[in-house]
N, C-alpha and C. Protein backbone atom coordinates (compact mmCIF):
# COMPACT_ATOMS: atom_id res chain seq x y z
N ASN A 1 -41.56 -18.96 -1.59
CA ASN A 1 -42.62 -19.59 -2.16
C ASN A 1 -42.16 -19.66 -3.74
N PRO A 2 -41.54 -20.96 -3.89
CA PRO A 2 -40.63 -20.84 -5.53
C PRO A 2 -41.88 -21.03 -6.79
N ARG A 3 -42.75 -21.10 -6.19
CA ARG A 3 -43.51 -20.74 -7.64
C ARG A 3 -43.87 -19.17 -8.06
N LYS A 4 -44.02 -18.47 -6.71
CA LYS A 4 -44.41 -17.55 -6.79
C LYS A 4 -42.83 -16.42 -7.28
N GLN A 5 -41.79 -16.77 -6.58
CA GLN A 5 -40.39 -16.48 -7.12
C GLN A 5 -40.58 -16.31 -8.68
N ASN A 6 -40.31 -17.80 -8.90
CA ASN A 6 -40.39 -18.01 -10.45
C ASN A 6 -41.65 -17.11 -11.46
N ALA A 7 -42.78 -16.89 -10.19
CA ALA A 7 -43.87 -16.02 -11.59
C ALA A 7 -42.96 -14.66 -11.44
N LEU A 8 -42.91 -13.95 -10.69
CA LEU A 8 -42.21 -12.84 -10.47
C LEU A 8 -40.66 -12.68 -11.45
N CYS A 9 -40.37 -14.19 -12.32
CA CYS A 9 -38.60 -13.69 -12.99
C CYS A 9 -39.41 -14.39 -14.04
N CYS A 10 -40.73 -13.84 -14.56
CA CYS A 10 -40.99 -14.13 -15.94
C CYS A 10 -41.46 -13.02 -16.63
N VAL A 11 -41.47 -11.67 -15.91
CA VAL A 11 -41.24 -10.31 -15.77
C VAL A 11 -40.18 -9.91 -16.53
N PRO A 12 -40.31 -9.40 -17.53
CA PRO A 12 -38.79 -9.54 -18.58
C PRO A 12 -37.80 -8.75 -17.37
N HIS A 13 -37.86 -7.24 -17.21
CA HIS A 13 -37.36 -6.34 -16.51
C HIS A 13 -36.70 -7.18 -14.65
N ARG A 14 -37.82 -8.06 -14.43
CA ARG A 14 -37.30 -8.56 -12.95
C ARG A 14 -36.83 -10.07 -13.01
N ARG A 15 -36.47 -10.58 -14.14
CA ARG A 15 -36.52 -11.51 -14.44
C ARG A 15 -34.42 -11.25 -14.61
N PHE A 16 -34.49 -10.67 -15.21
CA PHE A 16 -32.73 -10.08 -15.87
C PHE A 16 -32.53 -9.26 -13.83
N HIS A 17 -33.23 -8.73 -13.32
CA HIS A 17 -32.28 -8.57 -11.95
C HIS A 17 -31.91 -9.03 -11.25
N ILE A 18 -33.13 -10.05 -11.32
CA ILE A 18 -32.80 -11.26 -10.00
C ILE A 18 -31.75 -12.14 -10.82
N THR A 19 -31.77 -12.12 -12.05
CA THR A 19 -30.50 -13.40 -12.66
C THR A 19 -29.30 -12.96 -12.44
N VAL A 20 -29.00 -11.46 -12.09
CA VAL A 20 -27.72 -10.41 -12.23
C VAL A 20 -27.27 -11.33 -11.05
N PHE A 21 -28.17 -10.39 -9.87
CA PHE A 21 -28.48 -11.04 -8.00
C PHE A 21 -28.22 -12.27 -7.94
N LEU A 22 -29.01 -13.04 -8.53
CA LEU A 22 -28.28 -14.36 -8.29
C LEU A 22 -27.06 -15.16 -8.79
N ASN A 23 -26.73 -14.63 -9.56
CA ASN A 23 -25.42 -14.77 -10.16
C ASN A 23 -24.25 -14.27 -9.69
N ILE A 24 -24.68 -12.97 -8.81
CA ILE A 24 -23.24 -12.64 -8.17
C ILE A 24 -23.59 -13.47 -6.50
N ALA A 25 -24.21 -13.64 -6.05
CA ALA A 25 -24.69 -14.44 -5.32
C ALA A 25 -23.70 -15.88 -4.99
N ASN A 26 -24.33 -16.23 -6.33
CA ASN A 26 -23.66 -17.90 -6.18
C ASN A 26 -22.42 -17.67 -6.81
N TYR A 27 -21.37 -16.51 -7.54
CA TYR A 27 -20.04 -16.30 -7.62
C TYR A 27 -19.59 -16.16 -6.35
N PHE A 28 -20.37 -15.46 -5.19
CA PHE A 28 -19.31 -15.51 -3.96
C PHE A 28 -19.81 -16.36 -2.37
N THR A 29 -20.78 -16.90 -2.93
CA THR A 29 -21.57 -17.92 -1.98
C THR A 29 -21.35 -19.55 -2.83
N GLY A 30 -21.22 -19.69 -3.94
CA GLY A 30 -20.85 -21.26 -4.25
C GLY A 30 -22.03 -22.17 -4.40
N LEU A 31 -23.38 -20.70 -3.79
CA LEU A 31 -24.87 -21.87 -4.17
C LEU A 31 -25.09 -21.65 -5.25
N SER A 32 -26.09 -22.73 -5.55
CA SER A 32 -26.68 -22.97 -6.80
C SER A 32 -28.38 -21.41 -7.24
N ARG A 33 -28.81 -20.89 -8.24
CA ARG A 33 -29.91 -20.54 -8.00
C ARG A 33 -31.04 -21.06 -7.07
N CYS A 34 -30.92 -22.42 -7.08
CA CYS A 34 -32.02 -23.50 -6.77
C CYS A 34 -31.93 -23.05 -4.92
N ALA A 35 -30.41 -23.31 -4.85
CA ALA A 35 -30.83 -23.07 -3.19
C ALA A 35 -30.98 -21.77 -2.49
N TRP A 36 -30.81 -20.61 -3.41
CA TRP A 36 -31.16 -19.48 -2.57
C TRP A 36 -33.07 -19.63 -2.41
N HIS A 37 -33.76 -20.67 -3.28
CA HIS A 37 -35.16 -20.40 -2.93
C HIS A 37 -35.45 -21.05 -1.25
N THR A 38 -33.70 -21.61 -0.82
CA THR A 38 -34.41 -22.56 0.37
C THR A 38 -33.65 -21.53 1.62
N LEU A 39 -33.18 -20.57 1.19
CA LEU A 39 -32.65 -19.51 2.11
C LEU A 39 -33.81 -18.44 2.64
N PRO A 40 -33.09 -17.60 3.99
CA PRO A 40 -33.92 -16.40 4.00
C PRO A 40 -34.03 -15.60 3.73
N SER A 41 -35.22 -14.68 3.24
CA SER A 41 -34.92 -13.37 2.43
C SER A 41 -33.40 -12.94 2.98
N VAL A 42 -33.24 -12.13 1.62
CA VAL A 42 -31.71 -10.77 2.39
C VAL A 42 -32.42 -9.97 3.17
N ARG A 43 -33.58 -9.70 3.52
CA ARG A 43 -33.72 -8.61 4.12
C ARG A 43 -33.58 -9.00 6.22
N ALA A 44 -34.11 -10.05 5.88
CA ALA A 44 -33.95 -10.58 7.19
C ALA A 44 -32.50 -11.23 7.51
N VAL A 45 -31.98 -11.13 6.46
CA VAL A 45 -30.23 -11.66 7.09
C VAL A 45 -29.77 -10.11 7.49
N SER A 46 -29.54 -9.35 6.53
CA SER A 46 -29.30 -8.23 6.37
C SER A 46 -29.91 -7.44 8.00
N GLN A 47 -30.65 -7.95 8.72
CA GLN A 47 -31.06 -6.91 9.99
C GLN A 47 -30.37 -8.13 10.95
N THR A 48 -29.96 -9.55 10.52
CA THR A 48 -29.59 -9.96 11.85
C THR A 48 -27.87 -9.86 11.95
N VAL A 49 -27.28 -9.98 10.94
CA VAL A 49 -26.15 -10.24 10.87
C VAL A 49 -25.24 -8.63 11.12
N PRO A 50 -24.82 -8.67 11.71
CA PRO A 50 -24.11 -6.17 11.72
C PRO A 50 -22.95 -6.61 10.46
N VAL A 51 -22.85 -5.29 10.29
CA VAL A 51 -21.76 -5.10 9.04
C VAL A 51 -20.35 -5.62 9.44
N GLY A 52 -19.77 -6.02 9.49
CA GLY A 52 -18.10 -6.50 9.90
C GLY A 52 -18.02 -7.63 10.58
N GLN A 53 -19.01 -8.14 11.12
CA GLN A 53 -19.03 -9.11 11.86
C GLN A 53 -18.33 -10.79 11.26
N GLY A 54 -17.19 -10.73 12.32
CA GLY A 54 -16.48 -11.55 11.68
C GLY A 54 -14.75 -11.84 11.40
N VAL A 55 -14.86 -9.90 10.97
CA VAL A 55 -13.58 -9.78 10.13
C VAL A 55 -12.77 -9.20 11.27
N PRO A 56 -11.62 -10.05 11.32
CA PRO A 56 -10.43 -9.42 12.73
C PRO A 56 -10.01 -7.77 12.20
N GLN A 57 -9.97 -7.22 13.69
CA GLN A 57 -9.51 -6.36 13.47
C GLN A 57 -7.78 -6.15 13.92
N SER A 58 -7.35 -5.38 12.56
CA SER A 58 -6.08 -5.22 12.50
C SER A 58 -5.17 -4.42 13.69
N LEU A 59 -4.02 -5.07 14.28
CA LEU A 59 -3.58 -4.48 15.45
C LEU A 59 -2.63 -3.14 14.94
N TRP A 60 -2.33 -3.23 13.66
CA TRP A 60 -1.70 -1.76 13.68
C TRP A 60 -2.72 -1.50 11.77
N LYS A 61 -2.09 0.09 12.14
CA LYS A 61 -2.56 1.03 11.30
C LYS A 61 -1.71 1.54 10.59
N LEU A 62 -2.48 2.04 8.73
CA LEU A 62 -1.26 2.50 8.11
C LEU A 62 -1.87 4.03 8.19
N GLY A 63 -0.58 4.46 8.23
CA GLY A 63 -0.85 6.51 8.44
C GLY A 63 -0.77 7.06 7.55
N ARG A 64 0.02 8.50 7.76
CA ARG A 64 0.10 9.53 6.52
C ARG A 64 1.04 8.94 5.27
N LEU A 65 0.97 9.30 3.66
CA LEU A 65 2.17 9.11 3.56
C LEU A 65 2.97 10.26 3.56
N ASN A 66 4.73 9.46 4.55
CA ASN A 66 6.17 10.46 4.76
C ASN A 66 7.06 11.25 3.74
N HIS A 67 7.11 10.26 2.97
CA HIS A 67 7.69 10.98 1.64
C HIS A 67 7.73 9.68 0.60
N VAL A 68 8.30 10.31 -0.49
CA VAL A 68 8.51 9.72 -1.56
C VAL A 68 10.44 10.14 -2.23
N ALA A 69 10.70 8.90 -2.17
CA ALA A 69 11.98 8.70 -2.03
C ALA A 69 12.26 8.52 -4.20
N ILE A 70 13.42 9.70 -4.49
CA ILE A 70 13.60 9.99 -5.76
C ILE A 70 14.92 9.80 -5.64
N ALA A 71 15.46 9.10 -6.33
CA ALA A 71 16.83 8.54 -6.68
C ALA A 71 17.42 10.13 -7.55
N VAL A 72 18.53 9.97 -7.20
CA VAL A 72 18.90 11.43 -8.60
C VAL A 72 20.89 10.93 -8.41
N PRO A 73 20.76 10.91 -10.14
CA PRO A 73 22.54 10.72 -10.13
C PRO A 73 23.64 12.16 -9.99
N ASP A 74 22.33 13.19 -10.16
CA ASP A 74 23.65 14.35 -9.61
C ASP A 74 23.03 14.95 -7.91
N LEU A 75 23.11 15.08 -6.58
CA LEU A 75 22.52 15.44 -5.85
C LEU A 75 22.49 17.24 -5.53
N GLU A 76 23.15 17.69 -5.86
CA GLU A 76 23.80 18.80 -5.60
C GLU A 76 22.81 19.70 -7.05
N LYS A 77 22.96 18.70 -8.19
CA LYS A 77 21.91 19.63 -8.95
C LYS A 77 20.46 19.14 -8.92
N ALA A 78 20.23 18.63 -8.40
CA ALA A 78 18.28 18.16 -7.89
C ALA A 78 18.03 19.10 -6.79
N THR A 79 18.93 19.07 -5.98
CA THR A 79 18.75 20.01 -4.55
C THR A 79 18.52 21.44 -5.28
N ALA A 80 19.13 22.16 -6.09
CA ALA A 80 19.44 23.03 -6.30
C ALA A 80 18.10 23.74 -6.98
N LEU A 81 17.28 22.39 -7.83
CA LEU A 81 16.12 21.81 -8.62
C LEU A 81 14.85 22.98 -7.86
N TYR A 82 14.88 21.99 -6.35
CA TYR A 82 13.93 22.37 -6.02
C TYR A 82 14.13 23.16 -4.89
N ARG A 83 15.35 23.60 -4.46
CA ARG A 83 15.34 25.18 -4.20
C ARG A 83 15.43 26.25 -4.69
N ASP A 84 16.03 26.46 -5.59
CA ASP A 84 16.27 27.30 -6.30
C ASP A 84 15.31 27.59 -7.09
N VAL A 85 14.79 26.85 -8.09
CA VAL A 85 14.04 27.02 -8.93
C VAL A 85 12.49 26.66 -8.58
N LEU A 86 12.06 25.85 -7.79
CA LEU A 86 10.58 25.44 -7.61
C LEU A 86 10.59 26.32 -6.23
N GLY A 87 11.59 26.72 -5.40
CA GLY A 87 10.85 27.74 -3.85
C GLY A 87 11.07 26.51 -2.67
N ALA A 88 11.60 25.63 -2.82
CA ALA A 88 10.92 24.50 -2.11
C ALA A 88 11.98 24.50 -0.71
N GLN A 89 11.83 24.48 0.53
CA GLN A 89 12.76 24.47 1.52
C GLN A 89 13.27 23.02 1.86
N VAL A 90 14.80 23.19 0.94
CA VAL A 90 15.48 21.78 1.50
C VAL A 90 16.34 21.52 2.95
N SER A 91 16.78 20.16 3.37
CA SER A 91 17.71 20.13 4.35
C SER A 91 18.96 20.11 4.09
N ALA A 92 19.87 19.83 4.99
CA ALA A 92 20.96 19.55 4.72
C ALA A 92 20.93 18.32 3.76
N THR A 93 21.95 17.84 3.06
CA THR A 93 22.61 16.57 2.50
C THR A 93 23.23 15.96 4.39
N VAL A 94 22.90 14.38 4.09
CA VAL A 94 23.10 13.86 5.25
C VAL A 94 23.39 12.37 4.67
N PRO A 95 24.32 12.29 5.24
CA PRO A 95 24.86 10.71 5.26
C PRO A 95 24.43 9.60 5.60
N LEU A 96 24.44 8.91 5.20
CA LEU A 96 23.80 7.49 6.11
C LEU A 96 24.26 5.83 5.45
N PRO A 97 25.62 6.14 6.25
CA PRO A 97 26.51 4.45 5.39
C PRO A 97 25.34 3.56 5.80
N GLU A 98 25.14 3.09 6.30
CA GLU A 98 24.35 2.17 7.52
C GLU A 98 23.55 2.30 6.14
N HIS A 99 22.95 2.44 5.48
CA HIS A 99 21.77 2.73 4.90
C HIS A 99 22.36 2.66 2.67
N GLY A 100 23.82 3.49 2.61
CA GLY A 100 24.89 3.32 1.67
C GLY A 100 24.22 4.64 0.90
N VAL A 101 23.59 5.43 1.55
CA VAL A 101 22.79 6.63 0.68
C VAL A 101 23.22 7.99 1.44
N TYR A 102 23.36 9.15 0.71
CA TYR A 102 23.50 10.81 1.29
C TYR A 102 21.99 11.08 0.71
N THR A 103 21.32 11.91 1.96
CA THR A 103 20.10 12.12 1.99
C THR A 103 19.05 13.31 1.33
N VAL A 104 18.76 14.55 1.04
CA VAL A 104 18.41 15.66 1.22
C VAL A 104 16.62 15.70 1.26
N PHE A 105 16.42 15.82 2.34
CA PHE A 105 14.67 16.34 2.30
C PHE A 105 14.04 17.72 1.97
N VAL A 106 13.21 17.54 0.98
CA VAL A 106 12.31 18.58 0.17
C VAL A 106 11.07 18.52 0.93
N GLU A 107 10.95 19.58 1.90
CA GLU A 107 9.45 19.95 2.75
C GLU A 107 8.72 20.53 1.86
N LEU A 108 7.68 19.38 1.67
CA LEU A 108 6.35 20.09 0.97
C LEU A 108 5.32 19.73 2.12
N GLY A 109 4.30 21.04 1.75
CA GLY A 109 3.02 20.99 2.63
C GLY A 109 2.49 19.95 2.87
N ASN A 110 2.02 19.04 2.67
CA ASN A 110 1.49 18.14 3.22
C ASN A 110 2.53 16.33 3.56
N THR A 111 3.92 16.47 2.61
CA THR A 111 4.41 15.51 2.92
C THR A 111 6.01 16.20 2.29
N LYS A 112 6.78 15.17 2.23
CA LYS A 112 8.39 15.44 1.78
C LYS A 112 8.69 14.36 0.49
N LEU A 113 9.70 14.69 -0.06
CA LEU A 113 10.58 14.28 -0.92
C LEU A 113 11.77 13.89 -0.82
N GLU A 114 12.16 12.86 -0.78
CA GLU A 114 13.81 12.43 -0.13
C GLU A 114 14.59 11.66 -1.09
N LEU A 115 15.31 12.63 -1.58
CA LEU A 115 16.75 13.08 -2.38
C LEU A 115 17.69 12.06 -2.19
N LEU A 116 17.63 10.78 -3.01
CA LEU A 116 18.73 9.82 -2.64
C LEU A 116 19.92 9.79 -3.51
N HIS A 117 21.20 9.58 -3.41
CA HIS A 117 22.39 9.79 -3.90
C HIS A 117 23.11 8.82 -3.62
N PRO A 118 24.41 8.29 -4.15
CA PRO A 118 24.34 6.72 -3.44
C PRO A 118 25.76 7.07 -2.56
N LEU A 119 25.83 6.14 -1.75
CA LEU A 119 26.99 6.70 -0.91
C LEU A 119 27.93 5.12 -0.64
N GLY A 120 29.06 4.92 -1.02
CA GLY A 120 29.91 4.01 -1.63
C GLY A 120 29.05 2.68 -2.54
N GLU A 121 30.27 1.82 -2.76
CA GLU A 121 30.23 1.33 -3.66
C GLU A 121 29.13 0.10 -3.85
N LYS A 122 28.62 0.13 -2.82
CA LYS A 122 27.18 -1.37 -2.58
C LYS A 122 26.29 -0.75 -2.04
N SER A 123 26.05 0.62 -2.25
CA SER A 123 24.57 1.30 -2.57
C SER A 123 23.93 0.77 -2.86
N PRO A 124 22.98 0.33 -2.72
CA PRO A 124 21.52 0.42 -3.44
C PRO A 124 21.06 1.20 -4.82
N ILE A 125 21.47 2.56 -4.42
CA ILE A 125 20.84 3.17 -5.88
C ILE A 125 22.05 3.76 -6.25
N ALA A 126 23.16 2.67 -6.04
CA ALA A 126 23.63 2.71 -7.54
C ALA A 126 23.39 2.26 -7.95
N GLY A 127 22.74 0.98 -7.93
CA GLY A 127 22.83 -0.10 -9.24
C GLY A 127 20.99 -0.06 -9.37
N PHE A 128 20.38 1.28 -9.20
CA PHE A 128 19.26 1.49 -9.63
C PHE A 128 19.79 2.22 -10.43
N LEU A 129 20.63 3.37 -10.19
CA LEU A 129 20.84 4.30 -10.81
C LEU A 129 21.64 3.53 -12.18
N GLN A 130 22.87 2.52 -12.39
CA GLN A 130 22.70 1.71 -13.97
C GLN A 130 21.77 0.90 -14.37
N LYS A 131 20.31 1.17 -13.86
CA LYS A 131 19.54 0.98 -14.77
C LYS A 131 18.91 2.00 -15.17
N ASN A 132 18.90 2.89 -14.10
CA ASN A 132 17.89 4.55 -14.94
C ASN A 132 18.55 5.46 -14.38
N LYS A 133 19.55 5.66 -15.68
CA LYS A 133 20.53 7.07 -15.68
C LYS A 133 20.14 8.29 -15.32
N ALA A 134 19.01 8.40 -15.62
CA ALA A 134 18.56 10.45 -15.24
C ALA A 134 17.84 9.47 -13.95
N GLY A 135 17.87 8.89 -13.19
CA GLY A 135 16.91 9.19 -11.92
C GLY A 135 15.58 8.56 -11.88
N GLY A 136 15.14 8.72 -11.01
CA GLY A 136 13.78 8.46 -10.84
C GLY A 136 13.27 8.14 -9.50
N MET A 137 11.55 7.77 -9.45
CA MET A 137 11.36 7.37 -8.32
C MET A 137 11.62 5.99 -7.40
N HIS A 138 12.31 6.15 -6.18
CA HIS A 138 13.02 4.67 -5.67
C HIS A 138 11.79 3.62 -4.61
N HIS A 139 10.80 4.66 -3.73
CA HIS A 139 9.82 3.91 -3.45
C HIS A 139 9.15 5.06 -2.42
N ILE A 140 8.35 4.68 -2.32
CA ILE A 140 7.33 5.64 -1.07
C ILE A 140 7.56 4.93 0.45
N CYS A 141 7.02 5.92 1.06
CA CYS A 141 7.14 5.89 2.60
C CYS A 141 5.89 6.23 3.83
N ILE A 142 5.22 4.78 4.06
CA ILE A 142 3.99 5.31 4.66
C ILE A 142 4.48 4.87 6.38
N GLU A 143 3.90 5.67 6.83
CA GLU A 143 3.68 5.68 8.26
C GLU A 143 2.92 4.43 9.31
N VAL A 144 3.47 3.62 10.09
CA VAL A 144 2.85 2.83 10.73
C VAL A 144 2.46 3.31 11.99
N ASP A 145 1.68 3.33 13.07
CA ASP A 145 1.42 3.08 13.91
C ASP A 145 2.20 2.33 15.15
N ASP A 146 2.58 1.02 15.02
CA ASP A 146 3.31 -0.38 15.37
C ASP A 146 3.89 -1.27 14.69
N ILE A 147 4.96 -0.68 14.16
CA ILE A 147 5.89 -1.22 12.97
C ILE A 147 6.05 -2.89 13.60
N ASN A 148 6.41 -3.38 14.52
CA ASN A 148 6.66 -4.56 14.87
C ASN A 148 5.26 -5.51 15.26
N ALA A 149 4.05 -4.99 15.14
CA ALA A 149 2.74 -5.80 14.67
C ALA A 149 2.29 -5.67 13.48
N ALA A 150 3.03 -4.54 12.55
CA ALA A 150 2.46 -4.78 11.51
C ALA A 150 3.89 -5.54 10.68
N ILE A 151 5.44 -5.73 11.00
CA ILE A 151 5.79 -6.40 10.52
C ILE A 151 5.07 -8.17 10.89
N VAL A 152 4.80 -8.19 11.90
CA VAL A 152 4.36 -9.64 11.75
C VAL A 152 3.20 -10.15 10.91
N ASP A 153 2.03 -9.41 11.24
CA ASP A 153 1.18 -9.41 10.37
C ASP A 153 1.48 -9.32 8.88
N LEU A 154 2.80 -8.78 8.22
CA LEU A 154 2.77 -8.84 6.88
C LEU A 154 3.87 -9.97 6.23
N LYS A 155 4.33 -10.52 7.58
CA LYS A 155 5.16 -11.94 7.56
C LYS A 155 3.66 -12.93 6.94
N GLU A 156 3.17 -13.17 8.21
CA GLU A 156 2.01 -13.96 8.05
C GLU A 156 1.20 -14.10 6.94
N LYS A 157 0.64 -12.95 6.31
CA LYS A 157 -0.24 -12.47 4.88
C LYS A 157 1.49 -12.72 3.61
N LYS A 158 2.46 -13.03 4.03
CA LYS A 158 3.03 -13.75 2.95
C LYS A 158 3.58 -12.50 2.00
N ILE A 159 3.83 -11.48 2.72
CA ILE A 159 5.02 -10.13 2.37
C ILE A 159 6.59 -10.36 2.35
N ARG A 160 6.94 -10.28 1.63
CA ARG A 160 8.31 -10.50 1.89
C ARG A 160 9.22 -9.10 2.42
N LEU A 161 9.85 -9.09 3.58
CA LEU A 161 10.55 -7.98 3.61
C LEU A 161 11.94 -8.33 3.15
N LEU A 162 12.53 -6.92 3.23
CA LEU A 162 13.98 -6.71 2.45
C LEU A 162 15.41 -7.02 3.80
N SER A 163 14.94 -7.13 4.49
CA SER A 163 16.26 -6.93 6.19
C SER A 163 14.97 -8.38 7.19
N PRO A 164 15.56 -8.63 7.61
CA PRO A 164 15.08 -9.84 9.25
C PRO A 164 14.59 -8.41 9.71
N GLU A 165 15.29 -7.96 10.18
CA GLU A 165 14.39 -6.98 11.44
C GLU A 165 14.87 -5.41 11.21
N PRO A 166 13.98 -4.38 11.72
CA PRO A 166 13.89 -3.05 10.96
C PRO A 166 15.12 -2.25 11.44
N ARG A 167 15.32 -1.55 10.65
CA ARG A 167 16.53 -0.93 10.96
C ARG A 167 16.04 0.75 11.16
N ILE A 168 17.26 1.23 11.55
CA ILE A 168 17.15 3.18 11.86
C ILE A 168 16.68 3.37 10.38
N GLY A 169 15.77 4.39 10.00
CA GLY A 169 15.64 4.95 9.02
C GLY A 169 16.14 6.96 9.22
N ALA A 170 16.22 7.82 7.67
CA ALA A 170 16.81 8.54 7.84
C ALA A 170 15.96 10.13 9.14
N HIS A 171 14.95 9.40 9.67
CA HIS A 171 14.38 9.94 10.22
C HIS A 171 14.48 9.73 11.61
N GLY A 172 15.49 8.85 12.31
CA GLY A 172 16.09 8.38 13.15
C GLY A 172 14.57 7.21 14.04
N LYS A 173 14.11 6.63 13.30
CA LYS A 173 13.23 5.51 13.81
C LYS A 173 13.28 4.23 12.83
N PRO A 174 12.84 3.58 13.31
CA PRO A 174 12.27 2.09 12.88
C PRO A 174 11.46 1.91 11.31
N VAL A 175 12.36 1.32 10.32
CA VAL A 175 12.17 1.73 8.83
C VAL A 175 11.79 0.00 8.65
N MET A 176 10.80 -0.50 8.00
CA MET A 176 11.22 -2.05 6.81
C MET A 176 11.08 -1.39 5.68
N PHE A 177 11.41 -2.29 4.52
CA PHE A 177 10.85 -2.11 2.95
C PHE A 177 10.75 -2.90 2.58
N LEU A 178 9.03 -3.21 2.09
CA LEU A 178 8.46 -4.65 1.69
C LEU A 178 8.69 -4.66 0.36
N HIS A 179 9.40 -5.71 -0.25
CA HIS A 179 9.46 -6.37 -1.62
C HIS A 179 8.48 -5.47 -2.24
N PRO A 180 9.07 -5.05 -3.82
CA PRO A 180 8.10 -4.64 -4.61
C PRO A 180 7.28 -5.44 -5.63
N LYS A 181 7.63 -7.11 -5.10
CA LYS A 181 7.02 -7.67 -6.45
C LYS A 181 6.07 -8.22 -5.59
N ASP A 182 5.72 -7.67 -4.31
CA ASP A 182 4.83 -8.36 -3.49
C ASP A 182 3.94 -7.13 -3.31
N CYS A 183 4.18 -5.40 -3.66
CA CYS A 183 3.22 -4.37 -3.89
C CYS A 183 3.37 -3.96 -5.03
N ASP A 184 2.96 -4.69 -5.78
CA ASP A 184 2.42 -3.83 -7.24
C ASP A 184 3.85 -3.05 -8.10
N GLY A 185 5.17 -3.92 -7.93
CA GLY A 185 5.88 -3.08 -8.39
C GLY A 185 6.67 -1.63 -7.61
N VAL A 186 6.21 -1.75 -6.51
CA VAL A 186 6.22 -0.87 -5.85
C VAL A 186 7.00 -0.78 -4.51
N LEU A 187 8.37 -0.33 -3.96
CA LEU A 187 9.13 -0.68 -3.11
C LEU A 187 8.45 -0.07 -2.19
N VAL A 188 7.72 -0.15 -1.08
CA VAL A 188 7.47 0.63 -0.14
C VAL A 188 8.19 0.19 0.97
N GLU A 189 8.46 1.33 1.96
CA GLU A 189 9.18 1.31 3.25
C GLU A 189 8.55 1.52 4.22
N ILE A 190 7.94 0.85 5.57
CA ILE A 190 6.79 1.92 6.10
C ILE A 190 8.24 1.80 7.27
N GLU A 191 7.10 3.08 8.16
CA GLU A 191 8.23 3.87 9.24
C GLU A 191 7.33 3.97 10.35
N GLN A 192 7.92 3.32 11.80
CA GLN A 192 7.49 3.39 12.89
C GLN A 192 6.54 5.53 12.87
N ALA A 193 5.26 5.91 13.06
CA ALA A 193 5.29 7.08 13.13
C ALA A 193 5.72 7.55 14.50
């Protein structure tokens, strides 16, 4: 009954709460305050529409943080810092010519750090270090349960990929890099779990 609802609006604290509710509802639905009087009550709607109905389920899922990659100008010095000063377990240096980097993994309890150093003149890390002389965080790597489904979905969502196909990463698994301009300024690597 519109008269009864308008009468309730005359009570100051109720008027404020109802106005806030209607303004929020109008923002999300585009319905004016007047149109809300013709709709069923919120209680009736919430009882008949299951939460999440109509929301498509993703065919892939994000997993755990695999590593944080740090570009370093001096790989031996950085390795010594983590191994000798901080007491971490570190891997041997592994060259990855197809990616233009040397890598060293620093084992942490719940994830890893990947130390990156340029390999060859066309290394993407060389360009990063020209802009950041002291080095710094280069990218994060997050595992996915189905990299191929993730790539298809991300392309549909207009996330730019840095290569046309996945490449084999440092762990021997397929990886794909996502453009930092589409990921809030962060270079994101996804890796098959």
